[in-house]
Amino acid sequence: MNDYLSDDFILLQKTLENAGVEIRNVKCDANGGLVRINDKWKLIIPAFITEKARMELYIDSIKNMPMPLLHVPPRVRQLLGEEDFDE
């Protein structure tokens, strides 16, 4: 993974963590994803997925989070595909 992608990966992960999402790496055959259990958000990451697939799970999870709970930095908004963002 090049440095630019690595920086994006870290930024996405920190955005989720700052929103209170617990990121769990799990040995399973499932696709993984964002779940809510007892008022807590958890992101289930299958152990077998690639870094690119993990990054896509991060992006999908951020897209599915209730936005009032989440501060989304401008670069993350770009990664989400939002055209209207402040730099």
PDB file of N, CA and C in Angstrom:
ATOM      1  N   MET A   1       0.857  -1.171   0.000  1.00  0.00           N
ATOM      2  CA  MET A   1       0.000   0.000   0.000  1.00  0.00           C
ATOM      3  C   MET A   1       0.903   1.233   0.000  1.00  0.00           C
ATOM      4  N   ASN A   2       0.633   2.169  -0.916  1.00  0.00           N
ATOM      5  CA  ASN A   2       1.484   3.352  -0.934  1.00  0.00           C
ATOM      6  C   ASN A   2       1.134   4.279   0.228  1.00  0.00           C
ATOM      7  N   ASP A   3       1.992   5.266   0.469  1.00  0.00           N
ATOM      8  CA  ASP A   3       1.812   6.144   1.628  1.00  0.00           C
ATOM      9  C   ASP A   3       0.492   6.895   1.584  1.00  0.00           C
ATOM     10  N   TYR A   4       0.077   7.325   0.377  1.00  0.00           N
ATOM     11  CA  TYR A   4      -1.161   8.089   0.257  1.00  0.00           C
ATOM     12  C   TYR A   4      -2.344   7.232   0.707  1.00  0.00           C
ATOM     13  N   LEU A   5      -2.414   5.991   0.220  1.00  0.00           N
ATOM     14  CA  LEU A   5      -3.489   5.098   0.632  1.00  0.00           C
ATOM     15  C   LEU A   5      -3.388   4.773   2.112  1.00  0.00           C
ATOM     16  N   SER A   6      -2.167   4.607   2.599  1.00  0.00           N
ATOM     17  CA  SER A   6      -1.965   4.313   4.008  1.00  0.00           C
ATOM     18  C   SER A   6      -2.491   5.452   4.877  1.00  0.00           C
ATOM     19  N   ASP A   7      -2.219   6.698   4.485  1.00  0.00           N
ATOM     20  CA  ASP A   7      -2.723   7.854   5.223  1.00  0.00           C
ATOM     21  C   ASP A   7      -4.253   7.868   5.212  1.00  0.00           C
ATOM     22  N   ASP A   8      -4.847   7.572   4.056  1.00  0.00           N
ATOM     23  CA  ASP A   8      -6.306   7.527   3.949  1.00  0.00           C
ATOM     24  C   ASP A   8      -6.864   6.418   4.834  1.00  0.00           C
ATOM     25  N   PHE A   9      -6.230   5.285   4.824  1.00  0.00           N
ATOM     26  CA  PHE A   9      -6.650   4.140   5.629  1.00  0.00           C
ATOM     27  C   PHE A   9      -6.680   4.531   7.106  1.00  0.00           C
ATOM     28  N   ILE A  10      -5.618   5.148   7.572  1.00  0.00           N
ATOM     29  CA  ILE A  10      -5.520   5.574   8.976  1.00  0.00           C
ATOM     30  C   ILE A  10      -6.585   6.616   9.292  1.00  0.00           C
ATOM     31  N   LEU A  11      -6.807   7.559   8.378  1.00  0.00           N
ATOM     32  CA  LEU A  11      -7.811   8.604   8.587  1.00  0.00           C
ATOM     33  C   LEU A  11      -9.216   8.003   8.680  1.00  0.00           C
ATOM     34  N   LEU A  12      -9.526   7.054   7.811  1.00  0.00           N
ATOM     35  CA  LEU A  12     -10.828   6.385   7.866  1.00  0.00           C
ATOM     36  C   LEU A  12     -10.998   5.633   9.188  1.00  0.00           C
ATOM     37  N   GLN A  13      -9.957   4.919   9.603  1.00  0.00           N
ATOM     38  CA  GLN A  13     -10.014   4.165  10.847  1.00  0.00           C
ATOM     39  C   GLN A  13     -10.212   5.098  12.032  1.00  0.00           C
ATOM     40  N   LYS A  14      -9.493   6.189  12.076  1.00  0.00           N
ATOM     41  CA  LYS A  14      -9.618   7.144  13.188  1.00  0.00           C
ATOM     42  C   LYS A  14     -10.994   7.797  13.203  1.00  0.00           C
ATOM     43  N   THR A  15     -11.557   8.065  12.018  1.00  0.00           N
ATOM     44  CA  THR A  15     -12.905   8.637  11.941  1.00  0.00           C
ATOM     45  C   THR A  15     -13.914   7.698  12.585  1.00  0.00           C
ATOM     46  N   LEU A  16     -13.804   6.410  12.277  1.00  0.00           N
ATOM     47  CA  LEU A  16     -14.699   5.425  12.887  1.00  0.00           C
ATOM     48  C   LEU A  16     -14.478   5.328  14.392  1.00  0.00           C
ATOM     49  N   GLU A  17     -13.237   5.266  14.808  1.00  0.00           N
ATOM     50  CA  GLU A  17     -12.933   5.168  16.235  1.00  0.00           C
ATOM     51  C   GLU A  17     -13.430   6.399  16.988  1.00  0.00           C
ATOM     52  N   ASN A  18     -13.270   7.580  16.395  1.00  0.00           N
ATOM     53  CA  ASN A  18     -13.738   8.819  17.026  1.00  0.00           C
ATOM     54  C   ASN A  18     -15.260   8.853  17.151  1.00  0.00           C
ATOM     55  N   ALA A  19     -15.938   8.112  16.278  1.00  0.00           N
ATOM     56  CA  ALA A  19     -17.400   8.022  16.346  1.00  0.00           C
ATOM     57  C   ALA A  19     -17.841   6.956  17.349  1.00  0.00           C
ATOM     58  N   GLY A  20     -16.877   6.294  17.993  1.00  0.00           N
ATOM     59  CA  GLY A  20     -17.202   5.291  18.996  1.00  0.00           C
ATOM     60  C   GLY A  20     -17.390   3.893  18.437  1.00  0.00           C
ATOM     61  N   VAL A  21     -16.989   3.673  17.196  1.00  0.00           N
ATOM     62  CA  VAL A  21     -17.123   2.355  16.591  1.00  0.00           C
ATOM     63  C   VAL A  21     -15.966   1.477  17.054  1.00  0.00           C
ATOM     64  N   GLU A  22     -16.308   0.301  17.560  1.00  0.00           N
ATOM     65  CA  GLU A  22     -15.289  -0.676  17.942  1.00  0.00           C
ATOM     66  C   GLU A  22     -14.984  -1.523  16.711  1.00  0.00           C
ATOM     67  N   ILE A  23     -13.735  -1.542  16.288  1.00  0.00           N
ATOM     68  CA  ILE A  23     -13.326  -2.307  15.119  1.00  0.00           C
ATOM     69  C   ILE A  23     -12.813  -3.657  15.600  1.00  0.00           C
ATOM     70  N   ARG A  24     -13.476  -4.722  15.118  1.00  0.00           N
ATOM     71  CA  ARG A  24     -13.148  -6.071  15.576  1.00  0.00           C
ATOM     72  C   ARG A  24     -12.697  -6.924  14.402  1.00  0.00           C
ATOM     73  N   ASN A  25     -11.503  -7.466  14.500  1.00  0.00           N
ATOM     74  CA  ASN A  25     -10.998  -8.410  13.506  1.00  0.00           C
ATOM     75  C   ASN A  25     -11.418  -9.794  13.946  1.00  0.00           C
ATOM     76  N   VAL A  26     -12.134 -10.498  13.075  1.00  0.00           N
ATOM     77  CA  VAL A  26     -12.732 -11.772  13.445  1.00  0.00           C
ATOM     78  C   VAL A  26     -12.422 -12.821  12.383  1.00  0.00           C
ATOM     79  N   LYS A  27     -12.054 -14.010  12.833  1.00  0.00           N
ATOM     80  CA  LYS A  27     -11.885 -15.133  11.905  1.00  0.00           C
ATOM     81  C   LYS A  27     -13.276 -15.670  11.600  1.00  0.00           C
ATOM     82  N   CYS A  28     -13.752 -15.366  10.381  1.00  0.00           N
ATOM     83  CA  CYS A  28     -15.085 -15.820   9.986  1.00  0.00           C
ATOM     84  C   CYS A  28     -15.163 -15.861   8.461  1.00  0.00           C
ATOM     85  N   ASP A  29     -16.225 -16.508   7.975  1.00  0.00           N
ATOM     86  CA  ASP A  29     -16.433 -16.583   6.539  1.00  0.00           C
ATOM     87  C   ASP A  29     -17.397 -15.518   6.034  1.00  0.00           C
ATOM     88  N   ALA A  30     -17.892 -14.691   6.913  1.00  0.00           N
ATOM     89  CA  ALA A  30     -18.851 -13.646   6.544  1.00  0.00           C
ATOM     90  C   ALA A  30     -18.143 -12.480   5.855  1.00  0.00           C
ATOM     91  N   ASN A  31     -18.933 -11.587   5.259  1.00  0.00           N
ATOM     92  CA  ASN A  31     -18.385 -10.420   4.576  1.00  0.00           C
ATOM     93  C   ASN A  31     -17.986  -9.309   5.530  1.00  0.00           C
ATOM     94  N   GLY A  32     -18.496  -9.346   6.738  1.00  0.00           N
ATOM     95  CA  GLY A  32     -18.204  -8.286   7.691  1.00  0.00           C
ATOM     96  C   GLY A  32     -19.117  -7.101   7.460  1.00  0.00           C
ATOM     97  N   GLY A  33     -18.968  -6.096   8.303  1.00  0.00           N
ATOM     98  CA  GLY A  33     -19.768  -4.890   8.165  1.00  0.00           C
ATOM     99  C   GLY A  33     -20.084  -4.263   9.506  1.00  0.00           C
ATOM    100  N   LEU A  34     -20.843  -3.195   9.435  1.00  0.00           N
ATOM    101  CA  LEU A  34     -21.198  -2.401  10.605  1.00  0.00           C
ATOM    102  C   LEU A  34     -22.465  -2.975  11.240  1.00  0.00           C
ATOM    103  N   VAL A  35     -22.414  -3.195  12.555  1.00  0.00           N
ATOM    104  CA  VAL A  35     -23.581  -3.670  13.295  1.00  0.00           C
ATOM    105  C   VAL A  35     -23.729  -2.842  14.564  1.00  0.00           C
ATOM    106  N   ARG A  36     -24.950  -2.811  15.048  1.00  0.00           N
ATOM    107  CA  ARG A  36     -25.215  -2.113  16.311  1.00  0.00           C
ATOM    108  C   ARG A  36     -25.702  -3.147  17.317  1.00  0.00           C
ATOM    109  N   ILE A  37     -24.991  -3.253  18.426  1.00  0.00           N
ATOM    110  CA  ILE A  37     -25.333  -4.211  19.470  1.00  0.00           C
ATOM    111  C   ILE A  37     -25.432  -3.449  20.788  1.00  0.00           C
ATOM    112  N   ASN A  38     -26.626  -3.485  21.399  1.00  0.00           N
ATOM    113  CA  ASN A  38     -26.839  -2.810  22.690  1.00  0.00           C
ATOM    114  C   ASN A  38     -26.365  -1.362  22.659  1.00  0.00           C
ATOM    115  N   ASP A  39     -26.800  -0.609  21.671  1.00  0.00           N
ATOM    116  CA  ASP A  39     -26.476   0.819  21.523  1.00  0.00           C
ATOM    117  C   ASP A  39     -25.001   1.101  21.274  1.00  0.00           C
ATOM    118  N   LYS A  40     -24.242   0.096  20.894  1.00  0.00           N
ATOM    119  CA  LYS A  40     -22.825   0.291  20.559  1.00  0.00           C
ATOM    120  C   LYS A  40     -22.600  -0.176  19.122  1.00  0.00           C
ATOM    121  N   TRP A  41     -21.845   0.621  18.373  1.00  0.00           N
ATOM    122  CA  TRP A  41     -21.512   0.271  17.000  1.00  0.00           C
ATOM    123  C   TRP A  41     -20.243  -0.573  16.979  1.00  0.00           C
ATOM    124  N   LYS A  42     -20.280  -1.621  16.168  1.00  0.00           N
ATOM    125  CA  LYS A  42     -19.108  -2.480  15.975  1.00  0.00           C
ATOM    126  C   LYS A  42     -18.927  -2.700  14.483  1.00  0.00           C
ATOM    127  N   LEU A  43     -17.686  -2.658  14.053  1.00  0.00           N
ATOM    128  CA  LEU A  43     -17.367  -2.974  12.667  1.00  0.00           C
ATOM    129  C   LEU A  43     -16.650  -4.311  12.674  1.00  0.00           C
ATOM    130  N   ILE A  44     -17.282  -5.309  12.080  1.00  0.00           N
ATOM    131  CA  ILE A  44     -16.718  -6.647  12.021  1.00  0.00           C
ATOM    132  C   ILE A  44     -15.875  -6.753  10.749  1.00  0.00           C
ATOM    133  N   ILE A  45     -14.602  -7.058  10.925  1.00  0.00           N
ATOM    134  CA  ILE A  45     -13.662  -7.177   9.808  1.00  0.00           C
ATOM    135  C   ILE A  45     -13.209  -8.630   9.727  1.00  0.00           C
ATOM    136  N   PRO A  46     -13.564  -9.332   8.636  1.00  0.00           N
ATOM    137  CA  PRO A  46     -13.076 -10.703   8.474  1.00  0.00           C
ATOM    138  C   PRO A  46     -11.557 -10.719   8.327  1.00  0.00           C
ATOM    139  N   ALA A  47     -10.927 -11.673   8.945  1.00  0.00           N
ATOM    140  CA  ALA A  47      -9.460 -11.751   8.943  1.00  0.00           C
ATOM    141  C   ALA A  47      -8.887 -11.970   7.544  1.00  0.00           C
ATOM    142  N   PHE A  48      -9.662 -12.534   6.624  1.00  0.00           N
ATOM    143  CA  PHE A  48      -9.143 -12.911   5.322  1.00  0.00           C
ATOM    144  C   PHE A  48      -9.147 -11.802   4.278  1.00  0.00           C
ATOM    145  N   ILE A  49      -9.746 -10.640   4.552  1.00  0.00           N
ATOM    146  CA  ILE A  49      -9.901  -9.638   3.494  1.00  0.00           C
ATOM    147  C   ILE A  49      -8.617  -8.842   3.256  1.00  0.00           C
ATOM    148  N   THR A  50      -8.531  -8.275   2.069  1.00  0.00           N
ATOM    149  CA  THR A  50      -7.382  -7.465   1.677  1.00  0.00           C
ATOM    150  C   THR A  50      -7.481  -6.077   2.301  1.00  0.00           C
ATOM    151  N   GLU A  51      -6.378  -5.342   2.251  1.00  0.00           N
ATOM    152  CA  GLU A  51      -6.383  -3.960   2.757  1.00  0.00           C
ATOM    153  C   GLU A  51      -7.379  -3.110   1.971  1.00  0.00           C
ATOM    154  N   LYS A  52      -7.451  -3.316   0.657  1.00  0.00           N
ATOM    155  CA  LYS A  52      -8.391  -2.549  -0.167  1.00  0.00           C
ATOM    156  C   LYS A  52      -9.831  -2.847   0.250  1.00  0.00           C
ATOM    157  N   ALA A  53     -10.142  -4.116   0.475  1.00  0.00           N
ATOM    158  CA  ALA A  53     -11.494  -4.488   0.902  1.00  0.00           C
ATOM    159  C   ALA A  53     -11.797  -3.930   2.292  1.00  0.00           C
ATOM    160  N   ARG A  54     -10.800  -3.915   3.152  1.00  0.00           N
ATOM    161  CA  ARG A  54     -10.972  -3.337   4.496  1.00  0.00           C
ATOM    162  C   ARG A  54     -11.278  -1.845   4.385  1.00  0.00           C
ATOM    163  N   MET A  55     -10.560  -1.160   3.512  1.00  0.00           N
ATOM    164  CA  MET A  55     -10.793   0.263   3.311  1.00  0.00           C
ATOM    165  C   MET A  55     -12.213   0.499   2.786  1.00  0.00           C
ATOM    166  N   GLU A  56     -12.684  -0.362   1.894  1.00  0.00           N
ATOM    167  CA  GLU A  56     -14.045  -0.244   1.380  1.00  0.00           C
ATOM    168  C   GLU A  56     -15.070  -0.475   2.491  1.00  0.00           C
ATOM    169  N   LEU A  57     -14.790  -1.403   3.397  1.00  0.00           N
ATOM    170  CA  LEU A  57     -15.672  -1.608   4.552  1.00  0.00           C
ATOM    171  C   LEU A  57     -15.707  -0.365   5.435  1.00  0.00           C
ATOM    172  N   TYR A  58     -14.556   0.259   5.635  1.00  0.00           N
ATOM    173  CA  TYR A  58     -14.506   1.506   6.412  1.00  0.00           C
ATOM    174  C   TYR A  58     -15.377   2.568   5.751  1.00  0.00           C
ATOM    175  N   ILE A  59     -15.222   2.742   4.446  1.00  0.00           N
ATOM    176  CA  ILE A  59     -15.997   3.757   3.723  1.00  0.00           C
ATOM    177  C   ILE A  59     -17.486   3.458   3.808  1.00  0.00           C
ATOM    178  N   ASP A  60     -17.891   2.216   3.555  1.00  0.00           N
ATOM    179  CA  ASP A  60     -19.300   1.839   3.638  1.00  0.00           C
ATOM    180  C   ASP A  60     -19.849   2.065   5.040  1.00  0.00           C
ATOM    181  N   SER A  61     -19.055   1.771   6.040  1.00  0.00           N
ATOM    182  CA  SER A  61     -19.490   1.950   7.428  1.00  0.00           C
ATOM    183  C   SER A  61     -19.719   3.418   7.742  1.00  0.00           C
ATOM    184  N   ILE A  62     -18.816   4.265   7.299  1.00  0.00           N
ATOM    185  CA  ILE A  62     -18.977   5.708   7.540  1.00  0.00           C
ATOM    186  C   ILE A  62     -20.225   6.220   6.824  1.00  0.00           C
ATOM    187  N   LYS A  63     -20.454   5.730   5.620  1.00  0.00           N
ATOM    188  CA  LYS A  63     -21.652   6.137   4.875  1.00  0.00           C
ATOM    189  C   LYS A  63     -22.929   5.738   5.608  1.00  0.00           C
ATOM    190  N   ASN A  64     -22.893   4.643   6.363  1.00  0.00           N
ATOM    191  CA  ASN A  64     -24.085   4.133   7.034  1.00  0.00           C
ATOM    192  C   ASN A  64     -24.245   4.618   8.474  1.00  0.00           C
ATOM    193  N   MET A  65     -23.278   5.365   8.969  1.00  0.00           N
ATOM    194  CA  MET A  65     -23.378   5.903  10.324  1.00  0.00           C
ATOM    195  C   MET A  65     -24.325   7.102  10.325  1.00  0.00           C
ATOM    196  N   PRO A  66     -25.078   7.285  11.415  1.00  0.00           N
ATOM    197  CA  PRO A  66     -25.884   8.505  11.531  1.00  0.00           C
ATOM    198  C   PRO A  66     -24.946   9.719  11.585  1.00  0.00           C
ATOM    199  N   MET A  67     -25.041  10.593  10.624  1.00  0.00           N
ATOM    200  CA  MET A  67     -24.099  11.707  10.502  1.00  0.00           C
ATOM    201  C   MET A  67     -24.044  12.646  11.699  1.00  0.00           C
ATOM    202  N   PRO A  68     -25.139  12.897  12.421  1.00  0.00           N
ATOM    203  CA  PRO A  68     -24.986  13.773  13.594  1.00  0.00           C
ATOM    204  C   PRO A  68     -24.006  13.216  14.624  1.00  0.00           C
ATOM    205  N   LEU A  69     -23.785  11.913  14.613  1.00  0.00           N
ATOM    206  CA  LEU A  69     -22.861  11.304  15.563  1.00  0.00           C
ATOM    207  C   LEU A  69     -21.418  11.348  15.084  1.00  0.00           C
ATOM    208  N   LEU A  70     -21.213  11.801  13.865  1.00  0.00           N
ATOM    209  CA  LEU A  70     -19.932  11.594  13.228  1.00  0.00           C
ATOM    210  C   LEU A  70     -19.358  12.879  12.647  1.00  0.00           C
ATOM    211  N   HIS A  71     -18.146  13.232  13.074  1.00  0.00           N
ATOM    212  CA  HIS A  71     -17.410  14.315  12.417  1.00  0.00           C
ATOM    213  C   HIS A  71     -16.639  13.677  11.265  1.00  0.00           C
ATOM    214  N   VAL A  72     -16.864  14.190  10.071  1.00  0.00           N
ATOM    215  CA  VAL A  72     -16.221  13.608   8.896  1.00  0.00           C
ATOM    216  C   VAL A  72     -15.261  14.637   8.304  1.00  0.00           C
ATOM    217  N   PRO A  73     -13.946  14.391   8.431  1.00  0.00           N
ATOM    218  CA  PRO A  73     -12.959  15.312   7.872  1.00  0.00           C
ATOM    219  C   PRO A  73     -13.103  15.444   6.351  1.00  0.00           C
ATOM    220  N   PRO A  74     -12.673  16.576   5.792  1.00  0.00           N
ATOM    221  CA  PRO A  74     -12.802  16.800   4.347  1.00  0.00           C
ATOM    222  C   PRO A  74     -12.231  15.676   3.484  1.00  0.00           C
ATOM    223  N   ARG A  75     -11.072  15.142   3.808  1.00  0.00           N
ATOM    224  CA  ARG A  75     -10.486  14.075   2.996  1.00  0.00           C
ATOM    225  C   ARG A  75     -11.365  12.823   3.025  1.00  0.00           C
ATOM    226  N   VAL A  76     -11.961  12.534   4.175  1.00  0.00           N
ATOM    227  CA  VAL A  76     -12.860  11.386   4.269  1.00  0.00           C
ATOM    228  C   VAL A  76     -14.085  11.633   3.396  1.00  0.00           C
ATOM    229  N   ARG A  77     -14.597  12.873   3.392  1.00  0.00           N
ATOM    230  CA  ARG A  77     -15.733  13.192   2.516  1.00  0.00           C
ATOM    231  C   ARG A  77     -15.379  12.937   1.051  1.00  0.00           C
ATOM    232  N   GLN A  78     -14.154  13.256   0.671  1.00  0.00           N
ATOM    233  CA  GLN A  78     -13.702  12.958  -0.695  1.00  0.00           C
ATOM    234  C   GLN A  78     -13.737  11.453  -0.943  1.00  0.00           C
ATOM    235  N   LEU A  79     -13.224  10.682  -0.005  1.00  0.00           N
ATOM    236  CA  LEU A  79     -13.198   9.230  -0.150  1.00  0.00           C
ATOM    237  C   LEU A  79     -14.605   8.637  -0.214  1.00  0.00           C
ATOM    238  N   LEU A  80     -15.562   9.313   0.422  1.00  0.00           N
ATOM    239  CA  LEU A  80     -16.943   8.869   0.391  1.00  0.00           C
ATOM    240  C   LEU A  80     -17.620   9.220  -0.926  1.00  0.00           C
ATOM    241  N   GLY A  81     -16.943  10.050  -1.720  1.00  0.00           N
ATOM    242  CA  GLY A  81     -17.503  10.431  -3.006  1.00  0.00           C
ATOM    243  C   GLY A  81     -18.398  11.652  -2.940  1.00  0.00           C
ATOM    244  N   GLU A  82     -18.353  12.371  -1.836  1.00  0.00           N
ATOM    245  CA  GLU A  82     -19.144  13.580  -1.707  1.00  0.00           C
ATOM    246  C   GLU A  82     -18.488  14.700  -2.491  1.00  0.00           C
ATOM    247  N   GLU A  83     -19.279  15.366  -3.294  1.00  0.00           N
ATOM    248  CA  GLU A  83     -18.729  16.452  -4.119  1.00  0.00           C
ATOM    249  C   GLU A  83     -18.693  17.770  -3.364  1.00  0.00           C
ATOM    250  N   ASP A  84     -19.601  17.938  -2.430  1.00  0.00           N
ATOM    251  CA  ASP A  84     -19.731  19.209  -1.718  1.00  0.00           C
ATOM    252  C   ASP A  84     -19.069  19.097  -0.356  1.00  0.00           C
ATOM    253  N   PHE A  85     -17.802  19.474  -0.288  1.00  0.00           N
ATOM    254  CA  PHE A  85     -17.092  19.409   0.973  1.00  0.00           C
ATOM    255  C   PHE A  85     -16.215  20.643   1.104  1.00  0.00           C
ATOM    256  N   ASP A  86     -15.880  20.979   2.345  1.00  0.00           N
ATOM    257  CA  ASP A  86     -15.011  22.124   2.601  1.00  0.00           C
ATOM    258  C   ASP A  86     -13.585  21.634   2.804  1.00  0.00           C
ATOM    259  N   GLU A  87     -12.640  22.351   2.257  1.00  0.00           N
ATOM    260  CA  GLU A  87     -11.219  21.999   2.482  1.00  0.00           C
ATOM    261  C   GLU A  87     -10.649  22.883   3.545  1.00  0.00           C
TER     262      GLU A  87
END
